[in-house]
Amino acid sequence: MINRDVTIQNAVGLHARPATFFIQKANAYKSSIWVECNERKVNAKSLLGVLSMGIAKDMTITLIADGSDEVEALDGLCKFLSSELID
């Protein structure tokens, strides 16, 4: 199990459309992946879970992955979330 902090750069945060793209990307990995923020932890492959976090621009979240492709998963998801182009 590994984890990494990432700061959201997207102007609208991780809402609706960007969250959908994030979840699609998370589902491409075999590992279990979670998003943790403000002492809450949700499944990164769940749209309702991710949307319920209310993740806005400049918030720092922790991504946690556990599985055979955990390093690749966090590399890909952190790169995605650090981009300003996911709106």
PDB file of N, CA and C in Angstrom:
ATOM      1  N   MET A   1       0.850  -1.174   0.000  1.00  0.00           N
ATOM      2  CA  MET A   1       0.000   0.000   0.000  1.00  0.00           C
ATOM      3  C   MET A   1       0.896   1.238   0.000  1.00  0.00           C
ATOM      4  N   ILE A   2       0.577   2.158  -0.898  1.00  0.00           N
ATOM      5  CA  ILE A   2       1.319   3.419  -0.974  1.00  0.00           C
ATOM      6  C   ILE A   2       0.330   4.573  -1.024  1.00  0.00           C
ATOM      7  N   ASN A   3       0.816   5.761  -0.678  1.00  0.00           N
ATOM      8  CA  ASN A   3      -0.047   6.942  -0.774  1.00  0.00           C
ATOM      9  C   ASN A   3       0.768   8.136  -1.229  1.00  0.00           C
ATOM     10  N   ARG A   4       0.060   9.116  -1.765  1.00  0.00           N
ATOM     11  CA  ARG A   4       0.664  10.338  -2.269  1.00  0.00           C
ATOM     12  C   ARG A   4      -0.303  11.489  -2.122  1.00  0.00           C
ATOM     13  N   ASP A   5       0.242  12.647  -1.764  1.00  0.00           N
ATOM     14  CA  ASP A   5      -0.560  13.860  -1.711  1.00  0.00           C
ATOM     15  C   ASP A   5      -0.507  14.550  -3.068  1.00  0.00           C
ATOM     16  N   VAL A   6      -1.625  15.139  -3.470  1.00  0.00           N
ATOM     17  CA  VAL A   6      -1.697  15.879  -4.725  1.00  0.00           C
ATOM     18  C   VAL A   6      -2.616  17.083  -4.514  1.00  0.00           C
ATOM     19  N   THR A   7      -2.220  18.215  -5.090  1.00  0.00           N
ATOM     20  CA  THR A   7      -3.022  19.432  -5.004  1.00  0.00           C
ATOM     21  C   THR A   7      -3.793  19.602  -6.309  1.00  0.00           C
ATOM     22  N   ILE A   8      -5.082  19.839  -6.185  1.00  0.00           N
ATOM     23  CA  ILE A   8      -5.968  19.969  -7.343  1.00  0.00           C
ATOM     24  C   ILE A   8      -5.707  21.313  -8.025  1.00  0.00           C
ATOM     25  N   GLN A   9      -5.409  21.284  -9.320  1.00  0.00           N
ATOM     26  CA  GLN A   9      -5.110  22.488 -10.082  1.00  0.00           C
ATOM     27  C   GLN A   9      -6.278  22.950 -10.950  1.00  0.00           C
ATOM     28  N   ASN A  10      -7.210  22.077 -11.219  1.00  0.00           N
ATOM     29  CA  ASN A  10      -8.342  22.394 -12.073  1.00  0.00           C
ATOM     30  C   ASN A  10      -9.177  23.522 -11.462  1.00  0.00           C
ATOM     31  N   ALA A  11      -9.587  24.484 -12.288  1.00  0.00           N
ATOM     32  CA  ALA A  11     -10.319  25.664 -11.809  1.00  0.00           C
ATOM     33  C   ALA A  11     -11.615  25.317 -11.086  1.00  0.00           C
ATOM     34  N   VAL A  12     -12.306  24.265 -11.494  1.00  0.00           N
ATOM     35  CA  VAL A  12     -13.581  23.912 -10.854  1.00  0.00           C
ATOM     36  C   VAL A  12     -13.441  22.796  -9.832  1.00  0.00           C
ATOM     37  N   GLY A  13     -12.239  22.343  -9.595  1.00  0.00           N
ATOM     38  CA  GLY A  13     -12.033  21.257  -8.647  1.00  0.00           C
ATOM     39  C   GLY A  13     -12.415  19.917  -9.252  1.00  0.00           C
ATOM     40  N   LEU A  14     -12.747  18.986  -8.409  1.00  0.00           N
ATOM     41  CA  LEU A  14     -13.079  17.632  -8.873  1.00  0.00           C
ATOM     42  C   LEU A  14     -14.591  17.434  -8.778  1.00  0.00           C
ATOM     43  N   HIS A  15     -15.306  18.132  -9.665  1.00  0.00           N
ATOM     44  CA  HIS A  15     -16.762  18.074  -9.695  1.00  0.00           C
ATOM     45  C   HIS A  15     -17.226  17.515 -11.032  1.00  0.00           C
ATOM     46  N   ALA A  16     -18.388  16.925 -11.042  1.00  0.00           N
ATOM     47  CA  ALA A  16     -19.093  16.397 -12.220  1.00  0.00           C
ATOM     48  C   ALA A  16     -18.187  15.850 -13.329  1.00  0.00           C
ATOM     49  N   ARG A  17     -17.944  16.634 -14.348  1.00  0.00           N
ATOM     50  CA  ARG A  17     -17.200  16.132 -15.509  1.00  0.00           C
ATOM     51  C   ARG A  17     -15.765  15.704 -15.161  1.00  0.00           C
ATOM     52  N   PRO A  18     -14.969  16.536 -14.467  1.00  0.00           N
ATOM     53  CA  PRO A  18     -13.621  16.091 -14.117  1.00  0.00           C
ATOM     54  C   PRO A  18     -13.630  14.845 -13.224  1.00  0.00           C
ATOM     55  N   ALA A  19     -14.616  14.758 -12.317  1.00  0.00           N
ATOM     56  CA  ALA A  19     -14.710  13.587 -11.442  1.00  0.00           C
ATOM     57  C   ALA A  19     -14.999  12.333 -12.258  1.00  0.00           C
ATOM     58  N   THR A  20     -15.833  12.462 -13.271  1.00  0.00           N
ATOM     59  CA  THR A  20     -16.137  11.323 -14.144  1.00  0.00           C
ATOM     60  C   THR A  20     -14.877  10.837 -14.850  1.00  0.00           C
ATOM     61  N   PHE A  21     -14.094  11.774 -15.378  1.00  0.00           N
ATOM     62  CA  PHE A  21     -12.841  11.395 -16.045  1.00  0.00           C
ATOM     63  C   PHE A  21     -11.867  10.746 -15.062  1.00  0.00           C
ATOM     64  N   PHE A  22     -11.812  11.287 -13.844  1.00  0.00           N
ATOM     65  CA  PHE A  22     -10.928  10.733 -12.814  1.00  0.00           C
ATOM     66  C   PHE A  22     -11.328   9.296 -12.485  1.00  0.00           C
ATOM     67  N   ILE A  23     -12.609   9.059 -12.319  1.00  0.00           N
ATOM     68  CA  ILE A  23     -13.107   7.723 -11.971  1.00  0.00           C
ATOM     69  C   ILE A  23     -12.857   6.733 -13.103  1.00  0.00           C
ATOM     70  N   GLN A  24     -13.049   7.177 -14.343  1.00  0.00           N
ATOM     71  CA  GLN A  24     -12.752   6.317 -15.485  1.00  0.00           C
ATOM     72  C   GLN A  24     -11.283   5.923 -15.482  1.00  0.00           C
ATOM     73  N   LYS A  25     -10.425   6.879 -15.189  1.00  0.00           N
ATOM     74  CA  LYS A  25      -8.991   6.600 -15.138  1.00  0.00           C
ATOM     75  C   LYS A  25      -8.676   5.645 -13.979  1.00  0.00           C
ATOM     76  N   ALA A  26      -9.274   5.880 -12.825  1.00  0.00           N
ATOM     77  CA  ALA A  26      -9.053   5.018 -11.658  1.00  0.00           C
ATOM     78  C   ALA A  26      -9.498   3.588 -11.940  1.00  0.00           C
ATOM     79  N   ASN A  27     -10.603   3.439 -12.662  1.00  0.00           N
ATOM     80  CA  ASN A  27     -11.120   2.109 -12.983  1.00  0.00           C
ATOM     81  C   ASN A  27     -10.257   1.351 -13.983  1.00  0.00           C
ATOM     82  N   ALA A  28      -9.339   2.030 -14.628  1.00  0.00           N
ATOM     83  CA  ALA A  28      -8.429   1.373 -15.569  1.00  0.00           C
ATOM     84  C   ALA A  28      -7.346   0.572 -14.842  1.00  0.00           C
ATOM     85  N   TYR A  29      -7.213   0.780 -13.547  1.00  0.00           N
ATOM     86  CA  TYR A  29      -6.183   0.085 -12.755  1.00  0.00           C
ATOM     87  C   TYR A  29      -6.814  -1.042 -11.947  1.00  0.00           C
ATOM     88  N   LYS A  30      -6.028  -2.074 -11.710  1.00  0.00           N
ATOM     89  CA  LYS A  30      -6.500  -3.223 -10.940  1.00  0.00           C
ATOM     90  C   LYS A  30      -6.488  -2.962  -9.439  1.00  0.00           C
ATOM     91  N   SER A  31      -5.608  -2.087  -9.002  1.00  0.00           N
ATOM     92  CA  SER A  31      -5.447  -1.807  -7.576  1.00  0.00           C
ATOM     93  C   SER A  31      -6.707  -1.187  -6.972  1.00  0.00           C
ATOM     94  N   SER A  32      -6.857  -1.374  -5.677  1.00  0.00           N
ATOM     95  CA  SER A  32      -7.869  -0.645  -4.925  1.00  0.00           C
ATOM     96  C   SER A  32      -7.313   0.756  -4.710  1.00  0.00           C
ATOM     97  N   ILE A  33      -8.149   1.769  -4.933  1.00  0.00           N
ATOM     98  CA  ILE A  33      -7.690   3.153  -4.831  1.00  0.00           C
ATOM     99  C   ILE A  33      -8.700   3.945  -4.005  1.00  0.00           C
ATOM    100  N   TRP A  34      -8.192   4.766  -3.088  1.00  0.00           N
ATOM    101  CA  TRP A  34      -9.033   5.599  -2.240  1.00  0.00           C
ATOM    102  C   TRP A  34      -8.581   7.047  -2.323  1.00  0.00           C
ATOM    103  N   VAL A  35      -9.515   7.941  -2.060  1.00  0.00           N
ATOM    104  CA  VAL A  35      -9.237   9.366  -1.943  1.00  0.00           C
ATOM    105  C   VAL A  35      -9.500   9.739  -0.493  1.00  0.00           C
ATOM    106  N   GLU A  36      -8.540  10.430   0.124  1.00  0.00           N
ATOM    107  CA  GLU A  36      -8.692  10.843   1.515  1.00  0.00           C
ATOM    108  C   GLU A  36      -8.539  12.356   1.610  1.00  0.00           C
ATOM    109  N   CYS A  37      -9.462  12.984   2.336  1.00  0.00           N
ATOM    110  CA  CYS A  37      -9.432  14.434   2.498  1.00  0.00           C
ATOM    111  C   CYS A  37     -10.249  14.790   3.738  1.00  0.00           C
ATOM    112  N   ASN A  38      -9.706  15.658   4.572  1.00  0.00           N
ATOM    113  CA  ASN A  38     -10.420  16.103   5.779  1.00  0.00           C
ATOM    114  C   ASN A  38     -10.937  14.933   6.609  1.00  0.00           C
ATOM    115  N   GLU A  39     -10.084  13.963   6.842  1.00  0.00           N
ATOM    116  CA  GLU A  39     -10.385  12.797   7.675  1.00  0.00           C
ATOM    117  C   GLU A  39     -11.488  11.901   7.115  1.00  0.00           C
ATOM    118  N   ARG A  40     -11.834  12.064   5.829  1.00  0.00           N
ATOM    119  CA  ARG A  40     -12.797  11.180   5.156  1.00  0.00           C
ATOM    120  C   ARG A  40     -12.057  10.410   4.087  1.00  0.00           C
ATOM    121  N   LYS A  41     -12.471   9.189   3.860  1.00  0.00           N
ATOM    122  CA  LYS A  41     -11.836   8.332   2.865  1.00  0.00           C
ATOM    123  C   LYS A  41     -12.931   7.655   2.051  1.00  0.00           C
ATOM    124  N   VAL A  42     -12.831   7.791   0.697  1.00  0.00           N
ATOM    125  CA  VAL A  42     -13.830   7.185  -0.178  1.00  0.00           C
ATOM    126  C   VAL A  42     -13.135   6.398  -1.279  1.00  0.00           C
ATOM    127  N   ASN A  43     -13.880   5.492  -1.864  1.00  0.00           N
ATOM    128  CA  ASN A  43     -13.399   4.702  -2.991  1.00  0.00           C
ATOM    129  C   ASN A  43     -13.242   5.622  -4.198  1.00  0.00           C
ATOM    130  N   ALA A  44     -12.049   5.660  -4.774  1.00  0.00           N
ATOM    131  CA  ALA A  44     -11.776   6.522  -5.923  1.00  0.00           C
ATOM    132  C   ALA A  44     -12.473   6.046  -7.188  1.00  0.00           C
ATOM    133  N   LYS A  45     -13.063   4.870  -7.152  1.00  0.00           N
ATOM    134  CA  LYS A  45     -13.762   4.327  -8.316  1.00  0.00           C
ATOM    135  C   LYS A  45     -15.269   4.542  -8.215  1.00  0.00           C
ATOM    136  N   SER A  46     -15.694   5.311  -7.222  1.00  0.00           N
ATOM    137  CA  SER A  46     -17.106   5.583  -6.981  1.00  0.00           C
ATOM    138  C   SER A  46     -17.414   7.055  -7.248  1.00  0.00           C
ATOM    139  N   LEU A  47     -18.265   7.319  -8.227  1.00  0.00           N
ATOM    140  CA  LEU A  47     -18.615   8.697  -8.561  1.00  0.00           C
ATOM    141  C   LEU A  47     -19.267   9.411  -7.373  1.00  0.00           C
ATOM    142  N   LEU A  48     -20.237   8.783  -6.741  1.00  0.00           N
ATOM    143  CA  LEU A  48     -20.902   9.413  -5.599  1.00  0.00           C
ATOM    144  C   LEU A  48     -19.933   9.679  -4.454  1.00  0.00           C
ATOM    145  N   GLY A  49     -19.032   8.737  -4.226  1.00  0.00           N
ATOM    146  CA  GLY A  49     -18.050   8.913  -3.168  1.00  0.00           C
ATOM    147  C   GLY A  49     -17.150  10.109  -3.431  1.00  0.00           C
ATOM    148  N   VAL A  50     -16.617  10.200  -4.641  1.00  0.00           N
ATOM    149  CA  VAL A  50     -15.708  11.288  -4.987  1.00  0.00           C
ATOM    150  C   VAL A  50     -16.453  12.626  -4.973  1.00  0.00           C
ATOM    151  N   LEU A  51     -17.645  12.674  -5.539  1.00  0.00           N
ATOM    152  CA  LEU A  51     -18.405  13.926  -5.546  1.00  0.00           C
ATOM    153  C   LEU A  51     -18.768  14.383  -4.134  1.00  0.00           C
ATOM    154  N   SER A  52     -19.012  13.431  -3.239  1.00  0.00           N
ATOM    155  CA  SER A  52     -19.392  13.771  -1.871  1.00  0.00           C
ATOM    156  C   SER A  52     -18.262  14.450  -1.093  1.00  0.00           C
ATOM    157  N   MET A  53     -17.044  14.355  -1.608  1.00  0.00           N
ATOM    158  CA  MET A  53     -15.900  14.962  -0.926  1.00  0.00           C
ATOM    159  C   MET A  53     -15.858  16.481  -1.113  1.00  0.00           C
ATOM    160  N   GLY A  54     -16.498  16.993  -2.151  1.00  0.00           N
ATOM    161  CA  GLY A  54     -16.494  18.442  -2.388  1.00  0.00           C
ATOM    162  C   GLY A  54     -15.099  18.996  -2.628  1.00  0.00           C
ATOM    163  N   ILE A  55     -14.329  18.328  -3.445  1.00  0.00           N
ATOM    164  CA  ILE A  55     -12.929  18.699  -3.679  1.00  0.00           C
ATOM    165  C   ILE A  55     -12.850  19.899  -4.621  1.00  0.00           C
ATOM    166  N   ALA A  56     -12.254  20.981  -4.131  1.00  0.00           N
ATOM    167  CA  ALA A  56     -12.165  22.232  -4.878  1.00  0.00           C
ATOM    168  C   ALA A  56     -10.715  22.532  -5.274  1.00  0.00           C
ATOM    169  N   LYS A  57     -10.558  23.529  -6.138  1.00  0.00           N
ATOM    170  CA  LYS A  57      -9.232  23.961  -6.588  1.00  0.00           C
ATOM    171  C   LYS A  57      -8.356  24.296  -5.386  1.00  0.00           C
ATOM    172  N   ASP A  58      -7.092  23.927  -5.490  1.00  0.00           N
ATOM    173  CA  ASP A  58      -6.053  24.177  -4.487  1.00  0.00           C
ATOM    174  C   ASP A  58      -6.180  23.339  -3.223  1.00  0.00           C
ATOM    175  N   MET A  59      -7.155  22.433  -3.157  1.00  0.00           N
ATOM    176  CA  MET A  59      -7.223  21.505  -2.030  1.00  0.00           C
ATOM    177  C   MET A  59      -6.173  20.412  -2.237  1.00  0.00           C
ATOM    178  N   THR A  60      -5.596  19.952  -1.155  1.00  0.00           N
ATOM    179  CA  THR A  60      -4.658  18.838  -1.216  1.00  0.00           C
ATOM    180  C   THR A  60      -5.361  17.597  -0.697  1.00  0.00           C
ATOM    181  N   ILE A  61      -5.327  16.548  -1.519  1.00  0.00           N
ATOM    182  CA  ILE A  61      -5.938  15.270  -1.143  1.00  0.00           C
ATOM    183  C   ILE A  61      -4.846  14.213  -1.111  1.00  0.00           C
ATOM    184  N   THR A  62      -5.148  13.106  -0.478  1.00  0.00           N
ATOM    185  CA  THR A  62      -4.233  11.973  -0.450  1.00  0.00           C
ATOM    186  C   THR A  62      -4.844  10.841  -1.254  1.00  0.00           C
ATOM    187  N   LEU A  63      -4.070  10.321  -2.199  1.00  0.00           N
ATOM    188  CA  LEU A  63      -4.484   9.142  -2.947  1.00  0.00           C
ATOM    189  C   LEU A  63      -3.780   7.942  -2.342  1.00  0.00           C
ATOM    190  N   ILE A  64      -4.519   6.869  -2.137  1.00  0.00           N
ATOM    191  CA  ILE A  64      -3.989   5.640  -1.550  1.00  0.00           C
ATOM    192  C   ILE A  64      -4.289   4.507  -2.510  1.00  0.00           C
ATOM    193  N   ALA A  65      -3.271   3.707  -2.812  1.00  0.00           N
ATOM    194  CA  ALA A  65      -3.466   2.580  -3.718  1.00  0.00           C
ATOM    195  C   ALA A  65      -2.860   1.326  -3.103  1.00  0.00           C
ATOM    196  N   ASP A  66      -3.518   0.207  -3.360  1.00  0.00           N
ATOM    197  CA  ASP A  66      -3.050  -1.081  -2.862  1.00  0.00           C
ATOM    198  C   ASP A  66      -3.342  -2.131  -3.930  1.00  0.00           C
ATOM    199  N   GLY A  67      -2.278  -2.715  -4.483  1.00  0.00           N
ATOM    200  CA  GLY A  67      -2.477  -3.739  -5.496  1.00  0.00           C
ATOM    201  C   GLY A  67      -1.266  -3.888  -6.400  1.00  0.00           C
ATOM    202  N   SER A  68      -1.438  -4.715  -7.409  1.00  0.00           N
ATOM    203  CA  SER A  68      -0.323  -5.071  -8.285  1.00  0.00           C
ATOM    204  C   SER A  68       0.198  -3.913  -9.131  1.00  0.00           C
ATOM    205  N   ASP A  69      -0.652  -2.936  -9.416  1.00  0.00           N
ATOM    206  CA  ASP A  69      -0.214  -1.794 -10.227  1.00  0.00           C
ATOM    207  C   ASP A  69      -0.344  -0.473  -9.462  1.00  0.00           C
ATOM    208  N   GLU A  70      -0.114  -0.537  -8.151  1.00  0.00           N
ATOM    209  CA  GLU A  70      -0.325   0.640  -7.297  1.00  0.00           C
ATOM    210  C   GLU A  70       0.565   1.825  -7.671  1.00  0.00           C
ATOM    211  N   VAL A  71       1.816   1.572  -8.031  1.00  0.00           N
ATOM    212  CA  VAL A  71       2.719   2.663  -8.394  1.00  0.00           C
ATOM    213  C   VAL A  71       2.250   3.332  -9.684  1.00  0.00           C
ATOM    214  N   GLU A  72       1.916   2.529 -10.683  1.00  0.00           N
ATOM    215  CA  GLU A  72       1.430   3.069 -11.953  1.00  0.00           C
ATOM    216  C   GLU A  72       0.120   3.830 -11.750  1.00  0.00           C
ATOM    217  N   ALA A  73      -0.735   3.314 -10.885  1.00  0.00           N
ATOM    218  CA  ALA A  73      -2.021   3.956 -10.618  1.00  0.00           C
ATOM    219  C   ALA A  73      -1.812   5.345 -10.026  1.00  0.00           C
ATOM    220  N   LEU A  74      -0.979   5.442  -9.007  1.00  0.00           N
ATOM    221  CA  LEU A  74      -0.770   6.746  -8.391  1.00  0.00           C
ATOM    222  C   LEU A  74      -0.023   7.698  -9.308  1.00  0.00           C
ATOM    223  N   ASP A  75       0.935   7.184 -10.077  1.00  0.00           N
ATOM    224  CA  ASP A  75       1.627   8.038 -11.052  1.00  0.00           C
ATOM    225  C   ASP A  75       0.624   8.648 -12.031  1.00  0.00           C
ATOM    226  N   GLY A  76      -0.225   7.815 -12.601  1.00  0.00           N
ATOM    227  CA  GLY A  76      -1.198   8.272 -13.588  1.00  0.00           C
ATOM    228  C   GLY A  76      -2.234   9.205 -13.007  1.00  0.00           C
ATOM    229  N   LEU A  77      -2.762   8.866 -11.845  1.00  0.00           N
ATOM    230  CA  LEU A  77      -3.813   9.690 -11.239  1.00  0.00           C
ATOM    231  C   LEU A  77      -3.274  11.023 -10.721  1.00  0.00           C
ATOM    232  N   CYS A  78      -2.072  11.011 -10.160  1.00  0.00           N
ATOM    233  CA  CYS A  78      -1.474  12.270  -9.693  1.00  0.00           C
ATOM    234  C   CYS A  78      -1.188  13.200 -10.869  1.00  0.00           C
ATOM    235  N   LYS A  79      -0.694  12.639 -11.953  1.00  0.00           N
ATOM    236  CA  LYS A  79      -0.438  13.451 -13.145  1.00  0.00           C
ATOM    237  C   LYS A  79      -1.756  14.044 -13.659  1.00  0.00           C
ATOM    238  N   PHE A  80      -2.792  13.238 -13.686  1.00  0.00           N
ATOM    239  CA  PHE A  80      -4.104  13.687 -14.137  1.00  0.00           C
ATOM    240  C   PHE A  80      -4.629  14.814 -13.252  1.00  0.00           C
ATOM    241  N   LEU A  81      -4.574  14.645 -11.943  1.00  0.00           N
ATOM    242  CA  LEU A  81      -5.121  15.626 -11.024  1.00  0.00           C
ATOM    243  C   LEU A  81      -4.299  16.907 -10.948  1.00  0.00           C
ATOM    244  N   SER A  82      -3.014  16.828 -11.244  1.00  0.00           N
ATOM    245  CA  SER A  82      -2.148  18.002 -11.215  1.00  0.00           C
ATOM    246  C   SER A  82      -2.312  18.865 -12.455  1.00  0.00           C
ATOM    247  N   SER A  83      -2.965  18.339 -13.453  1.00  0.00           N
ATOM    248  CA  SER A  83      -3.168  19.053 -14.702  1.00  0.00           C
ATOM    249  C   SER A  83      -4.273  20.089 -14.561  1.00  0.00           C
ATOM    250  N   GLU A  84      -4.125  21.196 -15.263  1.00  0.00           N
ATOM    251  CA  GLU A  84      -5.185  22.199 -15.288  1.00  0.00           C
ATOM    252  C   GLU A  84      -6.140  21.940 -16.450  1.00  0.00           C
ATOM    253  N   LEU A  85      -5.900  20.879 -17.191  1.00  0.00           N
ATOM    254  CA  LEU A  85      -6.645  20.639 -18.422  1.00  0.00           C
ATOM    255  C   LEU A  85      -7.805  19.673 -18.268  1.00  0.00           C
ATOM    256  N   ILE A  86      -8.206  19.337 -17.059  1.00  0.00           N
ATOM    257  CA  ILE A  86      -9.241  18.324 -16.887  1.00  0.00           C
ATOM    258  C   ILE A  86     -10.635  18.913 -16.747  1.00  0.00           C
ATOM    259  N   ASP A  87     -10.818  20.168 -17.087  1.00  0.00           N
ATOM    260  CA  ASP A  87     -12.159  20.747 -16.956  1.00  0.00           C
ATOM    261  C   ASP A  87     -12.983  20.374 -18.161  1.00  0.00           C
TER     262      ASP A  87
END
